PDB file of all heavy atoms in Angstrom:
ATOM      1  N   PHE A   1      -1.060  25.213  -8.337  1.00  0.00           N
ATOM      2  CA  PHE A   1      -0.569  25.408  -6.992  1.00  0.00           C
ATOM      3  C   PHE A   1      -1.762  25.480  -6.059  1.00  0.00           C
ATOM      4  O   PHE A   1      -2.744  26.166  -6.333  1.00  0.00           O
ATOM      5  CB  PHE A   1       0.221  26.688  -6.871  1.00  0.00           C
ATOM      6  CG  PHE A   1       1.577  26.604  -7.547  1.00  0.00           C
ATOM      7  CD1 PHE A   1       1.725  27.072  -8.845  1.00  0.00           C
ATOM      8  CD2 PHE A   1       2.658  26.087  -6.882  1.00  0.00           C
ATOM      9  CE1 PHE A   1       2.924  26.987  -9.469  1.00  0.00           C
ATOM     10  CE2 PHE A   1       3.907  26.019  -7.533  1.00  0.00           C
ATOM     11  CZ  PHE A   1       4.024  26.442  -8.834  1.00  0.00           C
ATOM     12  N   LEU A   2      -1.685  24.808  -4.945  1.00  0.00           N
ATOM     13  CA  LEU A   2      -2.782  24.782  -3.945  1.00  0.00           C
ATOM     14  C   LEU A   2      -2.386  25.483  -2.688  1.00  0.00           C
ATOM     15  O   LEU A   2      -1.248  25.320  -2.193  1.00  0.00           O
ATOM     16  CB  LEU A   2      -3.156  23.322  -3.645  1.00  0.00           C
ATOM     17  CG  LEU A   2      -3.769  22.539  -4.760  1.00  0.00           C
ATOM     18  CD1 LEU A   2      -2.712  21.623  -5.412  1.00  0.00           C
ATOM     19  CD2 LEU A   2      -4.951  21.717  -4.281  1.00  0.00           C
ATOM     20  N   THR A   3      -3.312  26.228  -2.158  1.00  0.00           N
ATOM     21  CA  THR A   3      -3.126  26.933  -0.865  1.00  0.00           C
ATOM     22  C   THR A   3      -3.320  25.894   0.276  1.00  0.00           C
ATOM     23  O   THR A   3      -3.940  24.797   0.053  1.00  0.00           O
ATOM     24  CB  THR A   3      -4.150  28.059  -0.723  1.00  0.00           C
ATOM     25  OG1 THR A   3      -5.456  27.504  -0.634  1.00  0.00           O
ATOM     26  CG2 THR A   3      -4.032  29.066  -1.860  1.00  0.00           C
ATOM     27  N   PRO A   4      -2.862  26.222   1.479  1.00  0.00           N
ATOM     28  CA  PRO A   4      -3.168  25.363   2.607  1.00  0.00           C
ATOM     29  C   PRO A   4      -4.670  25.052   2.776  1.00  0.00           C
ATOM     30  O   PRO A   4      -5.049  23.910   3.092  1.00  0.00           O
ATOM     31  CB  PRO A   4      -2.603  26.134   3.815  1.00  0.00           C
ATOM     32  CG  PRO A   4      -1.501  26.938   3.203  1.00  0.00           C
ATOM     33  CD  PRO A   4      -1.974  27.361   1.842  1.00  0.00           C
ATOM     34  N   LYS A   5      -5.483  26.048   2.547  1.00  0.00           N
ATOM     35  CA  LYS A   5      -6.930  25.856   2.673  1.00  0.00           C
ATOM     36  C   LYS A   5      -7.437  24.823   1.636  1.00  0.00           C
ATOM     37  O   LYS A   5      -8.234  23.931   1.976  1.00  0.00           O
ATOM     38  CB  LYS A   5      -7.676  27.157   2.525  1.00  0.00           C
ATOM     39  CG  LYS A   5      -9.166  27.052   2.698  1.00  0.00           C
ATOM     40  CD  LYS A   5      -9.834  28.396   2.601  1.00  0.00           C
ATOM     41  CE  LYS A   5     -11.344  28.263   2.853  1.00  0.00           C
ATOM     42  NZ  LYS A   5     -12.003  29.548   2.837  1.00  0.00           N
ATOM     43  N   GLN A   6      -6.977  24.930   0.401  1.00  0.00           N
ATOM     44  CA  GLN A   6      -7.363  23.989  -0.627  1.00  0.00           C
ATOM     45  C   GLN A   6      -6.862  22.533  -0.306  1.00  0.00           C
ATOM     46  O   GLN A   6      -7.544  21.622  -0.530  1.00  0.00           O
ATOM     47  CB  GLN A   6      -6.800  24.445  -1.984  1.00  0.00           C
ATOM     48  CG  GLN A   6      -7.524  25.666  -2.506  1.00  0.00           C
ATOM     49  CD  GLN A   6      -6.823  26.248  -3.758  1.00  0.00           C
ATOM     50  OE1 GLN A   6      -5.590  26.391  -3.738  1.00  0.00           O
ATOM     51  NE2 GLN A   6      -7.639  26.622  -4.722  1.00  0.00           N
ATOM     52  N   VAL A   7      -5.612  22.493   0.170  1.00  0.00           N
ATOM     53  CA  VAL A   7      -5.058  21.152   0.520  1.00  0.00           C
ATOM     54  C   VAL A   7      -5.879  20.541   1.651  1.00  0.00           C
ATOM     55  O   VAL A   7      -6.218  19.331   1.629  1.00  0.00           O
ATOM     56  CB  VAL A   7      -3.571  21.258   0.907  1.00  0.00           C
ATOM     57  CG1 VAL A   7      -3.044  19.944   1.462  1.00  0.00           C
ATOM     58  CG2 VAL A   7      -2.737  21.713  -0.296  1.00  0.00           C
ATOM     59  N   ALA A   8      -6.199  21.357   2.664  1.00  0.00           N
ATOM     60  CA  ALA A   8      -6.996  20.859   3.772  1.00  0.00           C
ATOM     61  C   ALA A   8      -8.365  20.369   3.286  1.00  0.00           C
ATOM     62  O   ALA A   8      -8.803  19.259   3.716  1.00  0.00           O
ATOM     63  CB  ALA A   8      -7.201  21.976   4.817  1.00  0.00           C
ATOM     64  N   ASN A   9      -9.054  21.118   2.449  1.00  0.00           N
ATOM     65  CA  ASN A   9     -10.357  20.693   1.914  1.00  0.00           C
ATOM     66  C   ASN A   9     -10.206  19.400   1.100  1.00  0.00           C
ATOM     67  O   ASN A   9     -11.081  18.544   1.204  1.00  0.00           O
ATOM     68  CB  ASN A   9     -10.944  21.800   1.056  1.00  0.00           C
ATOM     69  CG  ASN A   9     -11.482  22.935   1.923  1.00  0.00           C
ATOM     70  OD1 ASN A   9     -11.789  22.787   3.098  1.00  0.00           O
ATOM     71  ND2 ASN A   9     -11.550  24.128   1.338  1.00  0.00           N
ATOM     72  N   LEU A  10      -9.165  19.339   0.306  1.00  0.00           N
ATOM     73  CA  LEU A  10      -8.950  18.177  -0.556  1.00  0.00           C
ATOM     74  C   LEU A  10      -8.756  16.932   0.273  1.00  0.00           C
ATOM     75  O   LEU A  10      -9.274  15.855  -0.029  1.00  0.00           O
ATOM     76  CB  LEU A  10      -7.766  18.425  -1.445  1.00  0.00           C
ATOM     77  CG  LEU A  10      -7.419  17.290  -2.421  1.00  0.00           C
ATOM     78  CD1 LEU A  10      -8.507  17.113  -3.495  1.00  0.00           C
ATOM     79  CD2 LEU A  10      -6.071  17.529  -3.067  1.00  0.00           C
ATOM     80  N   LEU A  11      -7.971  17.022   1.355  1.00  0.00           N
ATOM     81  CA  LEU A  11      -7.618  15.900   2.147  1.00  0.00           C
ATOM     82  C   LEU A  11      -8.654  15.619   3.247  1.00  0.00           C
ATOM     83  O   LEU A  11      -8.615  14.592   3.948  1.00  0.00           O
ATOM     84  CB  LEU A  11      -6.277  16.087   2.831  1.00  0.00           C
ATOM     85  CG  LEU A  11      -5.066  16.187   1.885  1.00  0.00           C
ATOM     86  CD1 LEU A  11      -3.782  16.415   2.651  1.00  0.00           C
ATOM     87  CD2 LEU A  11      -4.973  14.959   0.997  1.00  0.00           C
ATOM     88  N   GLY A  12      -9.586  16.572   3.450  1.00  0.00           N
ATOM     89  CA  GLY A  12     -10.639  16.409   4.479  1.00  0.00           C
ATOM     90  C   GLY A  12     -10.102  16.550   5.879  1.00  0.00           C
ATOM     91  O   GLY A  12     -10.512  15.861   6.796  1.00  0.00           O
ATOM     92  N   ILE A  13      -9.138  17.457   6.047  1.00  0.00           N
ATOM     93  CA  ILE A  13      -8.563  17.723   7.334  1.00  0.00           C
ATOM     94  C   ILE A  13      -8.685  19.216   7.678  1.00  0.00           C
ATOM     95  O   ILE A  13      -9.030  20.022   6.812  1.00  0.00           O
ATOM     96  CB  ILE A  13      -7.033  17.327   7.430  1.00  0.00           C
ATOM     97  CG1 ILE A  13      -6.200  18.096   6.392  1.00  0.00           C
ATOM     98  CG2 ILE A  13      -6.914  15.823   7.196  1.00  0.00           C
ATOM     99  CD1 ILE A  13      -4.728  17.819   6.453  1.00  0.00           C
ATOM    100  N   SER A  14      -8.457  19.572   8.949  1.00  0.00           N
ATOM    101  CA  SER A  14      -8.543  20.948   9.343  1.00  0.00           C
ATOM    102  C   SER A  14      -7.355  21.738   8.798  1.00  0.00           C
ATOM    103  O   SER A  14      -6.332  21.142   8.434  1.00  0.00           O
ATOM    104  CB  SER A  14      -8.539  21.061  10.888  1.00  0.00           C
ATOM    105  OG  SER A  14      -7.292  20.659  11.434  1.00  0.00           O
ATOM    106  N   GLN A  15      -7.474  23.048   8.773  1.00  0.00           N
ATOM    107  CA  GLN A  15      -6.370  23.879   8.328  1.00  0.00           C
ATOM    108  C   GLN A  15      -5.187  23.777   9.252  1.00  0.00           C
ATOM    109  O   GLN A  15      -4.034  23.787   8.782  1.00  0.00           O
ATOM    110  CB  GLN A  15      -6.808  25.334   8.156  1.00  0.00           C
ATOM    111  CG  GLN A  15      -7.469  25.582   6.799  1.00  0.00           C
ATOM    112  CD  GLN A  15      -7.687  27.063   6.560  1.00  0.00           C
ATOM    113  OE1 GLN A  15      -8.759  27.577   6.814  1.00  0.00           O
ATOM    114  NE2 GLN A  15      -6.648  27.725   6.037  1.00  0.00           N
ATOM    115  N   SER A  16      -5.425  23.662  10.522  1.00  0.00           N
ATOM    116  CA  SER A  16      -4.342  23.526  11.489  1.00  0.00           C
ATOM    117  C   SER A  16      -3.625  22.217  11.276  1.00  0.00           C
ATOM    118  O   SER A  16      -2.355  22.194  11.334  1.00  0.00           O
ATOM    119  CB  SER A  16      -4.834  23.709  12.944  1.00  0.00           C
ATOM    120  OG  SER A  16      -5.736  22.696  13.262  1.00  0.00           O
ATOM    121  N   SER A  17      -4.296  21.163  10.962  1.00  0.00           N
ATOM    122  CA  SER A  17      -3.646  19.865  10.661  1.00  0.00           C
ATOM    123  C   SER A  17      -2.860  19.944   9.353  1.00  0.00           C
ATOM    124  O   SER A  17      -1.834  19.372   9.227  1.00  0.00           O
ATOM    125  CB  SER A  17      -4.687  18.728  10.529  1.00  0.00           C
ATOM    126  OG  SER A  17      -5.260  18.494  11.794  1.00  0.00           O
ATOM    127  N   CYS A  18      -3.426  20.741   8.397  1.00  0.00           N
ATOM    128  CA  CYS A  18      -2.736  20.915   7.167  1.00  0.00           C
ATOM    129  C   CYS A  18      -1.411  21.651   7.332  1.00  0.00           C
ATOM    130  O   CYS A  18      -0.381  21.306   6.805  1.00  0.00           O
ATOM    131  CB  CYS A  18      -3.628  21.633   6.167  1.00  0.00           C
ATOM    132  SG  CYS A  18      -2.871  21.860   4.554  1.00  0.00           S
ATOM    133  N   TYR A  19      -1.419  22.721   8.156  1.00  0.00           N
ATOM    134  CA  TYR A  19      -0.181  23.449   8.428  1.00  0.00           C
ATOM    135  C   TYR A  19       0.863  22.566   9.154  1.00  0.00           C
ATOM    136  O   TYR A  19       2.019  22.622   8.843  1.00  0.00           O
ATOM    137  CB  TYR A  19      -0.469  24.728   9.283  1.00  0.00           C
ATOM    138  CG  TYR A  19      -0.943  25.891   8.383  1.00  0.00           C
ATOM    139  CD1 TYR A  19      -2.246  26.302   8.429  1.00  0.00           C
ATOM    140  CD2 TYR A  19      -0.036  26.516   7.555  1.00  0.00           C
ATOM    141  CE1 TYR A  19      -2.688  27.345   7.683  1.00  0.00           C
ATOM    142  CE2 TYR A  19      -0.469  27.548   6.743  1.00  0.00           C
ATOM    143  CZ  TYR A  19      -1.773  28.006   6.809  1.00  0.00           C
ATOM    144  OH  TYR A  19      -2.159  29.044   6.029  1.00  0.00           O
ATOM    145  N   GLU A  20       0.337  21.696  10.008  1.00  0.00           N
ATOM    146  CA  GLU A  20       1.263  20.764  10.709  1.00  0.00           C
ATOM    147  C   GLU A  20       1.906  19.825   9.690  1.00  0.00           C
ATOM    148  O   GLU A  20       3.075  19.592   9.701  1.00  0.00           O
ATOM    149  CB  GLU A  20       0.464  19.988  11.748  1.00  0.00           C
ATOM    150  CG  GLU A  20       1.302  19.130  12.657  1.00  0.00           C
ATOM    151  CD  GLU A  20       0.495  18.441  13.763  1.00  0.00           C
ATOM    152  OE1 GLU A  20      -0.437  19.105  14.310  1.00  0.00           O
ATOM    153  OE2 GLU A  20       0.761  17.296  14.044  1.00  0.00           O
ATOM    154  N   LEU A  21       1.089  19.348   8.760  1.00  0.00           N
ATOM    155  CA  LEU A  21       1.584  18.444   7.694  1.00  0.00           C
ATOM    156  C   LEU A  21       2.569  19.193   6.782  1.00  0.00           C
ATOM    157  O   LEU A  21       3.640  18.658   6.453  1.00  0.00           O
ATOM    158  CB  LEU A  21       0.389  17.948   6.850  1.00  0.00           C
ATOM    159  CG  LEU A  21       0.706  17.005   5.733  1.00  0.00           C
ATOM    160  CD1 LEU A  21       1.320  15.726   6.250  1.00  0.00           C
ATOM    161  CD2 LEU A  21      -0.568  16.699   4.956  1.00  0.00           C
ATOM    162  N   MET A  22       2.247  20.451   6.484  1.00  0.00           N
ATOM    163  CA  MET A  22       3.133  21.231   5.596  1.00  0.00           C
ATOM    164  C   MET A  22       4.454  21.575   6.287  1.00  0.00           C
ATOM    165  O   MET A  22       5.435  21.837   5.588  1.00  0.00           O
ATOM    166  CB  MET A  22       2.407  22.508   5.155  1.00  0.00           C
ATOM    167  CG  MET A  22       1.227  22.262   4.214  1.00  0.00           C
ATOM    168  SD  MET A  22       0.319  23.728   3.796  1.00  0.00           S
ATOM    169  CE  MET A  22       1.257  24.200   2.283  1.00  0.00           C
ATOM    170  N   ASN A  23       4.497  21.519   7.610  1.00  0.00           N
ATOM    171  CA  ASN A  23       5.763  21.754   8.313  1.00  0.00           C
ATOM    172  C   ASN A  23       6.573  20.502   8.557  1.00  0.00           C
ATOM    173  O   ASN A  23       7.662  20.597   9.075  1.00  0.00           O
ATOM    174  CB  ASN A  23       5.455  22.462   9.655  1.00  0.00           C
ATOM    175  CG  ASN A  23       5.099  23.911   9.464  1.00  0.00           C
ATOM    176  OD1 ASN A  23       5.544  24.607   8.613  1.00  0.00           O
ATOM    177  ND2 ASN A  23       4.103  24.357  10.304  1.00  0.00           N
ATOM    178  N   SER A  24       6.041  19.386   8.128  1.00  0.00           N
ATOM    179  CA  SER A  24       6.802  18.101   8.278  1.00  0.00           C
ATOM    180  C   SER A  24       7.899  18.048   7.234  1.00  0.00           C
ATOM    181  O   SER A  24       7.843  18.656   6.176  1.00  0.00           O
ATOM    182  CB  SER A  24       5.857  16.881   8.204  1.00  0.00           C
ATOM    183  OG  SER A  24       5.277  16.789   6.932  1.00  0.00           O
ATOM    184  N   ASP A  25       8.916  17.199   7.499  1.00  0.00           N
ATOM    185  CA  ASP A  25      10.069  17.167   6.647  1.00  0.00           C
ATOM    186  C   ASP A  25       9.836  16.637   5.226  1.00  0.00           C
ATOM    187  O   ASP A  25      10.469  17.087   4.285  1.00  0.00           O
ATOM    188  CB  ASP A  25      11.167  16.305   7.302  1.00  0.00           C
ATOM    189  CG  ASP A  25      11.750  16.987   8.493  1.00  0.00           C
ATOM    190  OD1 ASP A  25      11.701  18.209   8.604  1.00  0.00           O
ATOM    191  OD2 ASP A  25      12.280  16.262   9.393  1.00  0.00           O
ATOM    192  N   ASN A  26       8.922  15.701   5.077  1.00  0.00           N
ATOM    193  CA  ASN A  26       8.823  15.038   3.758  1.00  0.00           C
ATOM    194  C   ASN A  26       7.632  15.531   2.917  1.00  0.00           C
ATOM    195  O   ASN A  26       7.357  15.032   1.873  1.00  0.00           O
ATOM    196  CB  ASN A  26       8.711  13.510   3.948  1.00  0.00           C
ATOM    197  CG  ASN A  26       7.377  13.077   4.538  1.00  0.00           C
ATOM    198  OD1 ASN A  26       6.685  13.842   5.245  1.00  0.00           O
ATOM    199  ND2 ASN A  26       7.021  11.847   4.325  1.00  0.00           N
ATOM    200  N   PHE A  27       6.913  16.572   3.398  1.00  0.00           N
ATOM    201  CA  PHE A  27       5.824  17.103   2.626  1.00  0.00           C
ATOM    202  C   PHE A  27       6.298  18.103   1.593  1.00  0.00           C
ATOM    203  O   PHE A  27       7.073  18.983   1.884  1.00  0.00           O
ATOM    204  CB  PHE A  27       4.743  17.725   3.543  1.00  0.00           C
ATOM    205  CG  PHE A  27       3.445  17.968   2.880  1.00  0.00           C
ATOM    206  CD1 PHE A  27       2.568  16.908   2.665  1.00  0.00           C
ATOM    207  CD2 PHE A  27       3.074  19.218   2.410  1.00  0.00           C
ATOM    208  CE1 PHE A  27       1.360  17.096   2.062  1.00  0.00           C
ATOM    209  CE2 PHE A  27       1.844  19.413   1.802  1.00  0.00           C
ATOM    210  CZ  PHE A  27       1.008  18.343   1.602  1.00  0.00           C
ATOM    211  N   PRO A  28       5.780  18.011   0.344  1.00  0.00           N
ATOM    212  CA  PRO A  28       6.307  18.812  -0.725  1.00  0.00           C
ATOM    213  C   PRO A  28       5.791  20.321  -0.775  1.00  0.00           C
ATOM    214  O   PRO A  28       5.094  20.673  -1.712  1.00  0.00           O
ATOM    215  CB  PRO A  28       5.866  18.096  -1.963  1.00  0.00           C
ATOM    216  CG  PRO A  28       4.564  17.496  -1.578  1.00  0.00           C
ATOM    217  CD  PRO A  28       4.763  17.092  -0.132  1.00  0.00           C
ATOM    218  N   VAL A  29       6.098  21.071   0.184  1.00  0.00           N
ATOM    219  CA  VAL A  29       5.682  22.457   0.266  1.00  0.00           C
ATOM    220  C   VAL A  29       6.656  23.347  -0.501  1.00  0.00           C
ATOM    221  O   VAL A  29       7.880  23.108  -0.519  1.00  0.00           O
ATOM    222  CB  VAL A  29       5.492  22.938   1.691  1.00  0.00           C
ATOM    223  CG1 VAL A  29       6.808  23.004   2.456  1.00  0.00           C
ATOM    224  CG2 VAL A  29       4.773  24.223   1.819  1.00  0.00           C
TER     225      VAL A  29
END
C-alpha cells in the first residue's frame, strides 16, 4: 500500500497534484 506522498514521489508530481488525482473518479484509491 502506498501513501499519497509515496505515489507523488513515484510519479514525480507534487503532493497536491497527487491528492487531485486520488480524488478523480477512475483512480484506484
